[in-house]
Amino acid sequence: MTQIVGLLGLLLIASAWAVNIARKSPPPPLDLTLLYLLGSVVLTVYALILGDIIFTVLNAVSSMLSLINLLRALRIKNQG
């Protein structure tokens, strides 16, 4: 039951990120996006060390989606 709750949380958080990107909403500010990306990568490593698959996947997905936002923010910055 605990893993089901964790998986539900993982899916909801990852879905929120994906919906934000799919709607083509403006990415968060570049500095915030970079800090979030770095924090997510570090937490992915931490979750791996702990052996927590739910938080490993959540933070890995968050890292990937944050990287997408970082690339979007850089593209917008370079265009403007």
Protein backbone atom coordinates (compact mmCIF):
# COMPACT_ATOMS: atom_id res chain seq x y z
CA MET A 1 0.00 0.00 0.00
CA THR A 2 2.85 2.38 0.79
CA GLN A 3 4.35 1.92 -2.67
CA ILE A 4 0.97 2.60 -4.29
CA VAL A 5 0.76 5.93 -2.47
CA GLY A 6 4.33 6.71 -3.52
CA LEU A 7 3.64 5.80 -7.15
CA LEU A 8 0.51 7.95 -7.15
CA GLY A 9 2.50 10.91 -5.85
CA LEU A 10 5.21 10.28 -8.45
CA LEU A 11 2.65 10.18 -11.28
CA LEU A 12 0.86 13.33 -10.11
CA ILE A 13 4.05 15.38 -9.75
CA ALA A 14 5.51 14.19 -13.07
CA SER A 15 2.16 14.80 -14.78
CA ALA A 16 2.04 18.37 -13.49
CA TRP A 17 5.47 19.06 -14.98
CA ALA A 18 4.53 17.42 -18.27
CA VAL A 19 1.25 19.36 -18.53
CA ASN A 20 3.09 22.62 -17.88
CA ILE A 21 5.53 21.87 -20.70
CA ALA A 22 2.82 20.56 -23.08
CA ARG A 23 0.78 23.74 -22.60
CA LYS A 24 3.87 25.67 -23.63
CA SER A 25 3.62 27.75 -20.47
CA PRO A 26 6.64 29.99 -20.02
CA PRO A 27 9.43 28.21 -18.17
CA PRO A 28 10.36 29.41 -14.69
CA PRO A 29 13.22 31.94 -14.47
CA LEU A 30 16.58 30.59 -15.60
CA ASP A 31 18.26 30.77 -12.19
CA LEU A 32 15.37 28.97 -10.49
CA THR A 33 15.30 26.30 -13.19
CA LEU A 34 19.04 25.69 -12.90
CA LEU A 35 18.88 25.39 -9.10
CA TYR A 36 15.91 23.02 -9.37
CA LEU A 37 17.75 20.89 -11.92
CA LEU A 38 20.87 20.63 -9.77
CA GLY A 39 18.81 19.87 -6.65
CA SER A 40 16.88 17.15 -8.48
CA VAL A 41 20.08 15.52 -9.73
CA VAL A 42 21.59 15.51 -6.23
CA LEU A 43 18.36 14.08 -4.77
CA THR A 44 18.36 11.39 -7.46
CA VAL A 45 21.81 10.30 -6.33
CA TYR A 46 20.69 10.45 -2.68
CA ALA A 47 17.62 8.31 -3.41
CA LEU A 48 19.82 5.83 -5.29
CA ILE A 49 22.15 5.57 -2.30
CA LEU A 50 19.14 4.92 -0.04
CA GLY A 51 17.78 2.36 -2.48
CA ASP A 52 14.40 4.13 -2.69
CA ILE A 53 13.08 3.39 -6.17
CA ILE A 54 10.06 5.72 -5.91
CA PHE A 55 12.13 8.78 -5.07
CA THR A 56 14.87 7.76 -7.48
CA VAL A 57 12.39 7.68 -10.37
CA LEU A 58 10.59 10.83 -9.19
CA ASN A 59 13.79 12.84 -8.96
CA ALA A 60 15.17 11.43 -12.21
CA VAL A 61 11.97 12.40 -14.03
CA SER A 62 12.00 15.80 -12.32
CA SER A 63 15.59 16.26 -13.46
CA MET A 64 14.71 15.43 -17.06
CA LEU A 65 11.69 17.73 -17.12
CA SER A 66 13.69 20.47 -15.44
CA LEU A 67 16.38 20.07 -18.09
CA ILE A 68 13.69 20.55 -20.74
CA ASN A 69 12.60 23.75 -18.98
CA LEU A 70 16.21 24.90 -18.79
CA LEU A 71 16.65 24.38 -22.53
CA ARG A 72 13.37 26.20 -23.19
CA ALA A 73 14.46 29.12 -20.99
CA LEU A 74 17.83 29.34 -22.75
CA ARG A 75 16.15 29.28 -26.16
CA ILE A 76 13.79 32.10 -25.14
CA LYS A 77 16.69 34.10 -23.68
CA ASN A 78 18.70 33.73 -26.89
CA GLN A 79 15.72 34.74 -29.06
CA GLY A 80 14.95 37.87 -27.05
